[in-house]
Amino acid sequence: MKKVFKKVTAATMAATMVVGLAACGGSGSGSSDKSASKSGKIKIGVSIWSSTDVLGSQCKKILDEAAKALDVEVQYVDQGHVSEKVTASVEQLAAAGCQGIIICNSSDTEMTSAIKTCNDNKVYLAQFFRVISEKNSADIYQAAKDSDYYIGAVHEDEPANGEELVNILLEKGDRNIGLIGWEQGDATWLGRWEGYKAGVEKWNKENPNDKATLSEPQYAGTTSEGGSKAAEALMAADPDLDALIPAGGGGDPLQGAIAAVERAGKTSDIDIVSTDFLPDLGERLENGSMAGESGGHYCDPLISFMMVYNAIKGNYKDFGGKFEDVPFPYLYVSSPDDYKAYEKYFVDQLPYTDEELVDMSKLSMEDLKATAAKLSIEDAASRAGN
């Protein structure tokens, strides 16, 4: 299926996106201890699965640029989406003197501890790539809403994302689809899986004589090796496998899965779609090792960063009784031409200049939400004067 960039609009978004515990140096002047806050600068902590893999490094790049533009200290903790390390990361950042923290947690349950730590230390908190489920984690959602320091969540519509990706495969003629997850119970993974299943179920209902199958997931963790082993297991289990969906995990499992398919000599036989754009996605769309991908959402944590920054400044306040839900759009590519347009405005340069980042920091909460919802290739191109 040939699909030009398609933006999932905010109107369709209402639902719920990895190495050891290590503090990485921040941006700005780069100090990462308590003395940083004594300099008078705002200090914001980032709890992230990895600041060095494909998606994580893109997030770090835009956050570092925002920190430079706003003269803010940033401290990163890579927690690998290991639950005890996720909760410990919040404690570590609060102890390091951070006045605000943005977090990409693994499961909703971790947010109970994160919210309590931030309440106890009077530290503002916002999620990125994640949202607490009001339906499945009602008590945790209420605790977030009741908190004077929890601001809200920036996240993507993962069921819609999953359905969009599986439809790319179905419309290409793929019927035996292998699925690779990363961490069992991860809210983002579960949302995408829901979408993959919904897409296949809908297809089978409409095409009873041309049904597709979706395998049970193989779990890869967040490493390239894990992705490779998962792909090998799926290929061994089903000789007729004609598609793979490495669901995510930061990009490394996808790279491992691609390598496994290439080693098996099946690049032309197995279509692959995934989430989190690879650096060489354009080439892979050209040579057929990728059939399509969703991504371009590395500015999601930028919005969380701006929320926390404004809370610390006193521009956003009165969070008790509120839950700021901020949908963020995915971009979809399924051809080399699609990717070229993305590359020009999101890879060769950042989609926001320093001046635009400063202007963004002055927006009201509602205007910040609107800015998040409209980010697209067309938006970045128009701001660049093209």
Protein backbone atom coordinates (compact mmCIF):
# COMPACT_ATOMS: atom_id res chain seq x y z
CA MET A 1 0.00 0.00 0.00
CA LYS A 2 1.34 3.38 -0.97
CA LYS A 3 0.59 5.80 1.83
CA VAL A 4 1.83 9.37 2.02
CA PHE A 5 2.47 10.86 5.45
CA LYS A 6 -0.68 10.48 7.45
CA LYS A 7 -1.12 12.30 10.72
CA VAL A 8 -3.25 10.81 13.44
CA THR A 9 -5.19 13.82 14.54
CA ALA A 10 -5.78 14.77 18.12
CA ALA A 11 -9.49 14.17 17.66
CA THR A 12 -8.85 10.44 17.22
CA MET A 13 -6.50 10.20 20.14
CA ALA A 14 -7.90 9.25 23.50
CA ALA A 15 -5.94 6.22 24.63
CA THR A 16 -2.71 4.99 25.63
CA MET A 17 4.35 3.86 23.86
CA VAL A 18 14.99 0.29 27.06
CA VAL A 19 19.82 -0.39 29.83
CA GLY A 20 20.78 -0.24 33.40
CA LEU A 21 20.21 2.47 35.93
CA ALA A 22 22.77 5.06 34.93
CA ALA A 23 22.74 8.79 35.25
CA CYS A 24 23.89 10.51 32.08
CA GLY A 25 25.24 14.02 31.91
CA GLY A 26 22.69 16.71 31.20
CA SER A 27 22.52 19.55 28.76
CA GLY A 28 23.14 23.21 29.38
CA SER A 29 26.19 23.45 31.63
CA GLY A 30 25.84 19.74 32.29
CA SER A 31 26.17 19.39 36.07
CA SER A 32 24.25 16.38 37.37
CA ASP A 33 24.37 16.74 41.15
CA LYS A 34 22.49 18.73 43.75
CA SER A 35 24.76 21.73 43.31
CA ALA A 36 23.17 22.37 39.92
CA SER A 37 20.00 23.70 41.57
CA LYS A 38 22.12 26.02 43.72
CA SER A 39 23.20 27.84 40.58
CA GLY A 40 19.74 29.34 40.34
CA LYS A 41 18.92 27.42 37.17
CA ILE A 42 15.81 25.33 36.83
CA LYS A 43 16.71 21.63 36.95
CA ILE A 44 14.54 19.00 35.27
CA GLY A 45 15.05 15.24 35.50
CA VAL A 46 14.32 12.78 32.70
CA SER A 47 13.52 9.16 33.58
CA ILE A 48 13.79 7.29 30.28
CA TRP A 49 14.23 3.66 29.19
CA SER A 50 17.40 4.62 27.27
CA SER A 51 18.89 7.92 26.18
CA THR A 52 21.18 6.19 23.69
CA ASP A 53 19.04 3.91 21.49
CA VAL A 54 17.36 5.09 18.30
CA LEU A 55 14.28 6.78 19.75
CA GLY A 56 15.82 7.68 23.09
CA SER A 57 18.73 9.53 21.49
CA GLN A 58 16.31 11.51 19.33
CA CYS A 59 14.34 12.47 22.44
CA LYS A 60 17.55 13.51 24.20
CA LYS A 61 18.57 15.67 21.24
CA ILE A 62 15.38 17.75 21.25
CA LEU A 63 15.31 17.95 25.06
CA ASP A 64 18.94 19.09 25.17
CA GLU A 65 18.16 21.76 22.58
CA ALA A 66 15.18 23.00 24.60
CA ALA A 67 17.30 23.03 27.77
CA LYS A 68 19.96 25.08 25.98
CA ALA A 69 17.40 27.53 24.62
CA LEU A 70 15.80 27.98 28.06
CA ASP A 71 19.03 27.78 30.11
CA VAL A 72 17.81 24.76 32.07
CA GLU A 73 19.82 21.95 33.69
CA VAL A 74 18.79 18.43 32.64
CA GLN A 75 19.71 15.13 34.26
CA TYR A 76 18.93 11.78 32.63
CA VAL A 77 18.47 8.40 34.27
CA ASP A 78 18.27 5.37 31.98
CA GLN A 79 16.07 2.78 33.70
CA GLY A 80 15.60 0.09 31.04
CA HIS A 81 11.86 -0.16 31.76
CA VAL A 82 12.71 -2.40 34.73
CA SER A 83 10.04 -1.57 37.30
CA GLU A 84 12.27 -1.25 40.37
CA LYS A 85 14.68 0.91 38.38
CA VAL A 86 11.83 3.08 37.11
CA THR A 87 10.65 3.87 40.63
CA ALA A 88 14.23 4.28 41.90
CA SER A 89 14.97 6.73 39.08
CA VAL A 90 12.33 9.14 40.36
CA GLU A 91 13.79 8.95 43.86
CA GLN A 92 17.28 9.52 42.45
CA LEU A 93 16.25 12.55 40.43
CA ALA A 94 14.32 14.08 43.32
CA ALA A 95 17.34 13.55 45.61
CA ALA A 96 19.56 15.19 42.98
CA GLY A 97 17.64 18.44 43.34
CA CYS A 98 15.40 18.27 40.28
CA GLN A 99 12.43 20.61 40.59
CA GLY A 100 10.49 18.70 37.96
CA ILE A 101 10.66 15.25 36.37
CA ILE A 102 9.36 13.84 33.11
CA ILE A 103 9.03 10.07 32.95
CA CYS A 104 8.48 7.30 30.42
CA ASN A 105 7.39 4.55 32.79
CA SER A 106 6.77 0.94 31.86
CA SER A 107 3.52 0.17 33.70
CA ASP A 108 0.83 2.17 35.46
CA THR A 109 1.69 0.56 38.82
CA GLU A 110 5.07 2.33 38.86
CA MET A 111 3.29 5.66 38.90
CA THR A 112 1.97 5.07 42.43
CA SER A 113 5.51 5.32 43.79
CA ALA A 114 6.51 8.06 41.34
CA ILE A 115 3.58 10.28 42.34
CA LYS A 116 4.22 9.72 46.07
CA THR A 117 7.92 10.56 45.68
CA CYS A 118 7.09 13.76 43.83
CA ASN A 119 4.40 14.73 46.34
CA ASP A 120 6.79 14.14 49.26
CA ASN A 121 9.56 16.17 47.63
CA LYS A 122 7.34 18.85 46.05
CA VAL A 123 8.62 17.97 42.59
CA TYR A 124 6.43 18.40 39.49
CA LEU A 125 5.82 15.30 37.38
CA ALA A 126 4.62 14.64 33.83
CA GLN A 127 4.59 11.48 31.71
CA PHE A 128 5.77 11.15 28.12
CA PHE A 129 4.86 8.35 25.68
CA ARG A 130 2.56 7.09 28.44
CA VAL A 131 -0.78 7.80 30.11
CA ILE A 132 -2.31 6.23 33.22
CA SER A 133 -5.40 4.24 32.21
CA GLU A 134 -8.48 5.72 33.85
CA LYS A 135 -10.33 2.47 33.16
CA ASN A 136 -7.73 -0.15 34.12
CA SER A 137 -5.89 1.76 36.85
CA ALA A 138 -8.65 3.86 38.38
CA ASP A 139 -7.00 4.24 41.80
CA ILE A 140 -3.67 5.33 40.33
CA TYR A 141 -5.42 7.70 37.95
CA GLN A 142 -7.27 9.24 40.88
CA ALA A 143 -4.03 9.60 42.86
CA ALA A 144 -2.53 11.45 39.90
CA LYS A 145 -5.58 13.66 39.63
CA ASP A 146 -5.55 14.44 43.36
CA SER A 147 -1.86 15.33 43.38
CA ASP A 148 -0.76 18.96 43.50
CA TYR A 149 2.42 17.99 41.64
CA TYR A 150 1.33 15.51 38.96
CA ILE A 151 0.56 17.59 35.85
CA GLY A 152 -0.48 15.13 33.16
CA ALA A 153 0.57 12.91 30.28
CA VAL A 154 1.63 13.30 26.67
CA HIS A 155 0.95 10.14 24.67
CA GLU A 156 -0.04 8.62 21.35
CA ASP A 157 -3.15 6.67 20.31
CA GLU A 158 -1.54 3.23 20.33
CA PRO A 159 -4.56 1.11 19.32
CA ALA A 160 -5.04 3.31 16.26
CA ASN A 161 -1.32 3.08 15.54
CA GLY A 162 -1.39 -0.71 15.73
CA GLU A 163 -4.40 -1.00 13.45
CA GLU A 164 -2.85 1.37 10.90
CA LEU A 165 0.37 -0.66 10.74
CA VAL A 166 -1.28 -4.06 10.41
CA ASN A 167 -3.47 -2.65 7.64
CA ILE A 168 -0.33 -1.72 5.69
CA LEU A 169 0.62 -5.41 5.75
CA LEU A 170 -2.87 -6.71 4.97
CA GLU A 171 -3.22 -4.43 1.97
CA LYS A 172 0.19 -5.58 0.71
CA GLY A 173 -1.19 -9.14 0.67
CA ASP A 174 0.43 -10.49 3.83
CA ARG A 175 -1.63 -13.09 5.69
CA ASN A 176 0.75 -14.85 8.12
CA ILE A 177 1.95 -12.17 10.50
CA GLY A 178 4.45 -12.74 13.30
CA LEU A 179 4.38 -10.47 16.33
CA ILE A 180 7.29 -9.34 18.52
CA GLY A 181 6.58 -7.51 21.77
CA TRP A 182 9.09 -6.04 24.18
CA GLU A 183 7.97 -6.14 27.84
CA GLN A 184 4.87 -8.01 29.02
CA GLY A 185 2.45 -5.64 30.72
CA ASP A 186 3.88 -2.47 29.19
CA ALA A 187 0.90 -0.19 28.62
CA THR A 188 2.08 1.06 25.23
CA TRP A 189 2.78 -2.45 23.99
CA LEU A 190 -0.67 -3.60 25.12
CA GLY A 191 -2.29 -0.69 23.28
CA ARG A 192 -0.50 -1.50 20.04
CA TRP A 193 -1.29 -5.21 20.38
CA GLU A 194 -4.95 -4.32 20.80
CA GLY A 195 -4.77 -2.41 17.51
CA TYR A 196 -3.00 -5.21 15.61
CA LYS A 197 -5.65 -7.70 16.74
CA ALA A 198 -8.50 -5.33 15.91
CA GLY A 199 -7.13 -4.78 12.41
CA VAL A 200 -6.83 -8.51 11.71
CA GLU A 201 -10.26 -9.25 13.18
CA LYS A 202 -11.84 -6.55 11.05
CA TRP A 203 -10.08 -7.84 7.94
CA ASN A 204 -11.18 -11.44 8.57
CA LYS A 205 -14.77 -10.38 9.13
CA GLU A 206 -14.80 -8.48 5.83
CA ASN A 207 -12.79 -11.14 3.93
CA PRO A 208 -13.97 -14.56 5.19
CA ASN A 209 -12.35 -16.34 2.23
CA ASP A 210 -9.00 -14.58 2.60
CA LYS A 211 -8.28 -14.63 6.31
CA ALA A 212 -5.10 -13.50 8.01
CA THR A 213 -3.48 -14.84 11.17
CA LEU A 214 -1.55 -12.95 13.84
CA SER A 215 0.81 -15.00 15.98
CA GLU A 216 1.05 -14.87 19.74
CA PRO A 217 3.87 -12.49 20.63
CA GLN A 218 7.48 -13.43 21.10
CA TYR A 219 9.09 -11.09 23.64
CA ALA A 220 12.38 -9.43 22.75
CA GLY A 221 13.02 -7.13 25.67
CA THR A 222 14.65 -3.94 24.44
CA THR A 223 17.77 -5.33 22.77
CA SER A 224 18.80 -6.08 19.21
CA GLU A 225 19.74 -9.62 20.25
CA GLY A 226 16.27 -10.13 21.69
CA GLY A 227 14.66 -8.94 18.46
CA SER A 228 16.86 -11.25 16.42
CA LYS A 229 16.02 -14.32 18.53
CA ALA A 230 12.31 -13.52 18.47
CA ALA A 231 12.30 -13.20 14.67
CA GLU A 232 14.23 -16.46 14.31
CA ALA A 233 11.73 -18.25 16.54
CA LEU A 234 8.76 -16.94 14.55
CA MET A 235 10.33 -17.91 11.21
CA ALA A 236 11.11 -21.40 12.52
CA ALA A 237 7.57 -21.85 13.85
CA ASP A 238 5.86 -20.81 10.61
CA PRO A 239 7.56 -21.54 7.26
CA ASP A 240 4.79 -19.52 5.55
CA LEU A 241 5.46 -16.38 7.60
CA ASP A 242 5.20 -13.40 5.25
CA ALA A 243 5.24 -10.45 7.66
CA LEU A 244 6.71 -9.35 10.99
CA ILE A 245 5.69 -6.63 13.40
CA PRO A 246 8.44 -5.80 15.91
CA ALA A 247 6.09 -3.67 17.99
CA GLY A 248 8.66 -1.30 19.46
CA GLY A 249 11.03 -1.10 22.38
CA GLY A 250 13.06 1.86 21.18
CA GLY A 251 14.29 0.63 17.79
CA ASP A 252 16.92 -1.94 18.81
CA PRO A 253 14.59 -5.00 18.69
CA LEU A 254 13.54 -3.92 15.19
CA GLN A 255 17.15 -3.77 14.03
CA GLY A 256 17.74 -7.27 15.38
CA ALA A 257 14.64 -8.61 13.65
CA ILE A 258 15.66 -7.07 10.32
CA ALA A 259 19.12 -8.62 10.64
CA ALA A 260 17.60 -12.05 11.34
CA VAL A 261 15.38 -11.84 8.25
CA GLU A 262 18.36 -10.75 6.15
CA ARG A 263 20.51 -13.66 7.44
CA ALA A 264 17.70 -16.05 6.53
CA GLY A 265 17.64 -14.65 2.99
CA LYS A 266 13.98 -13.71 3.34
CA THR A 267 14.07 -9.93 2.87
CA SER A 268 11.94 -10.19 -0.28
CA ASP A 269 9.55 -12.68 1.35
CA ILE A 270 8.82 -11.09 4.73
CA ASP A 271 7.42 -7.56 5.01
CA ILE A 272 8.27 -5.68 8.20
CA VAL A 273 6.43 -2.77 9.79
CA SER A 274 7.16 -1.19 13.15
CA THR A 275 7.11 1.94 15.28
CA ASP A 276 10.12 4.24 15.96
CA PHE A 277 11.88 5.50 12.84
CA LEU A 278 15.33 4.05 12.18
CA PRO A 279 18.18 6.35 11.03
CA ASP A 280 18.42 4.43 7.74
CA LEU A 281 14.67 4.05 7.19
CA GLY A 282 14.83 5.69 3.76
CA GLU A 283 17.33 3.10 2.53
CA ARG A 284 15.34 0.26 4.05
CA LEU A 285 12.13 1.37 2.36
CA GLU A 286 14.14 1.49 -0.87
CA ASN A 287 15.64 -2.01 -0.55
CA GLY A 288 12.47 -3.59 0.82
CA SER A 289 13.74 -4.55 4.28
CA MET A 290 11.02 -2.27 5.72
CA ALA A 291 7.47 -2.02 4.35
CA GLY A 292 6.30 0.86 6.51
CA GLU A 293 6.73 2.51 9.87
CA SER A 294 5.12 4.90 12.29
CA GLY A 295 7.20 7.37 14.22
CA GLY A 296 8.43 10.93 14.12
CA HIS A 297 7.05 11.39 17.63
CA TYR A 298 10.32 12.14 19.45
CA CYS A 299 9.00 15.63 20.27
CA ASP A 300 6.43 14.06 22.61
CA PRO A 301 8.74 14.46 25.66
CA LEU A 302 9.39 18.05 24.61
CA ILE A 303 5.76 18.85 25.42
CA SER A 304 6.07 17.16 28.83
CA PHE A 305 9.27 19.15 29.40
CA MET A 306 7.44 22.40 28.65
CA MET A 307 4.62 21.45 31.03
CA VAL A 308 7.05 20.83 33.89
CA TYR A 309 9.11 23.93 33.04
CA ASN A 310 6.03 26.14 33.23
CA ALA A 311 4.91 24.53 36.49
CA ILE A 312 8.29 25.30 38.06
CA LYS A 313 8.10 28.87 36.75
CA GLY A 314 4.64 29.23 38.29
CA ASN A 315 2.96 29.80 34.92
CA TYR A 316 0.94 26.58 35.19
CA LYS A 317 -0.62 25.90 38.58
CA ASP A 318 -3.55 24.43 40.55
CA PHE A 319 -3.02 20.85 39.37
CA GLY A 320 -4.99 19.22 42.18
CA GLY A 321 -8.24 17.78 40.80
CA LYS A 322 -7.00 17.91 37.19
CA PHE A 323 -5.34 15.53 34.74
CA GLU A 324 -3.88 17.20 31.67
CA ASP A 325 -4.27 14.69 28.83
CA VAL A 326 -2.22 15.68 25.77
CA PRO A 327 -2.57 13.55 22.60
CA PHE A 328 0.43 13.57 20.27
CA PRO A 329 0.41 12.58 16.57
CA TYR A 330 2.25 9.79 14.80
CA LEU A 331 3.53 10.08 11.24
CA TYR A 332 3.35 7.10 8.88
CA VAL A 333 5.67 6.33 5.96
CA SER A 334 5.56 3.48 3.48
CA SER A 335 7.73 4.70 0.60
CA PRO A 336 11.16 6.32 0.06
CA ASP A 337 9.47 9.55 -1.05
CA ASP A 338 7.49 9.66 2.20
CA TYR A 339 10.69 9.40 4.18
CA LYS A 340 12.56 12.08 2.23
CA ALA A 341 10.06 14.70 3.33
CA TYR A 342 10.35 13.56 6.95
CA GLU A 343 14.15 13.49 6.77
CA LYS A 344 14.37 17.07 5.58
CA TYR A 345 12.52 18.58 8.54
CA PHE A 346 13.01 16.05 11.37
CA VAL A 347 16.43 14.45 10.74
CA ASP A 348 18.61 16.93 8.88
CA GLN A 349 17.34 19.58 11.27
CA LEU A 350 15.11 19.70 14.34
CA PRO A 351 11.47 20.65 13.70
CA TYR A 352 11.77 23.65 16.05
CA THR A 353 14.37 26.42 16.17
CA ASP A 354 15.67 27.78 19.48
CA GLU A 355 13.52 30.85 19.01
CA GLU A 356 10.45 28.68 18.47
CA LEU A 357 11.32 26.65 21.58
CA VAL A 358 11.47 29.83 23.65
CA ASP A 359 8.14 30.94 22.19
CA MET A 360 6.66 27.52 22.99
CA SER A 361 7.72 27.88 26.61
CA LYS A 362 5.51 30.96 26.88
CA LEU A 363 2.31 29.27 25.65
CA SER A 364 -0.72 28.62 27.81
CA MET A 365 -1.53 24.98 28.54
CA GLU A 366 -4.30 24.95 25.94
CA ASP A 367 -2.07 26.53 23.30
CA LEU A 368 0.69 24.03 24.12
CA LYS A 369 -1.80 21.20 23.56
CA ALA A 370 -2.77 22.72 20.22
CA THR A 371 0.89 23.00 19.23
CA ALA A 372 1.42 19.33 20.05
CA ALA A 373 -1.63 18.22 18.07
CA LYS A 374 -0.65 20.03 14.88
CA LEU A 375 2.96 18.85 14.55
CA SER A 376 3.38 17.32 11.11
CA ILE A 377 5.67 17.47 8.10
CA GLU A 378 3.51 20.22 6.66
CA ASP A 379 3.65 22.18 9.92
CA ALA A 380 7.45 21.92 10.15
CA ALA A 381 7.84 22.84 6.47
CA SER A 382 5.61 25.90 6.77
CA ARG A 383 7.51 27.17 9.81
CA ALA A 384 10.75 26.66 7.88
CA GLY A 385 9.34 28.87 5.12
CA ASN A 386 8.72 26.08 2.59
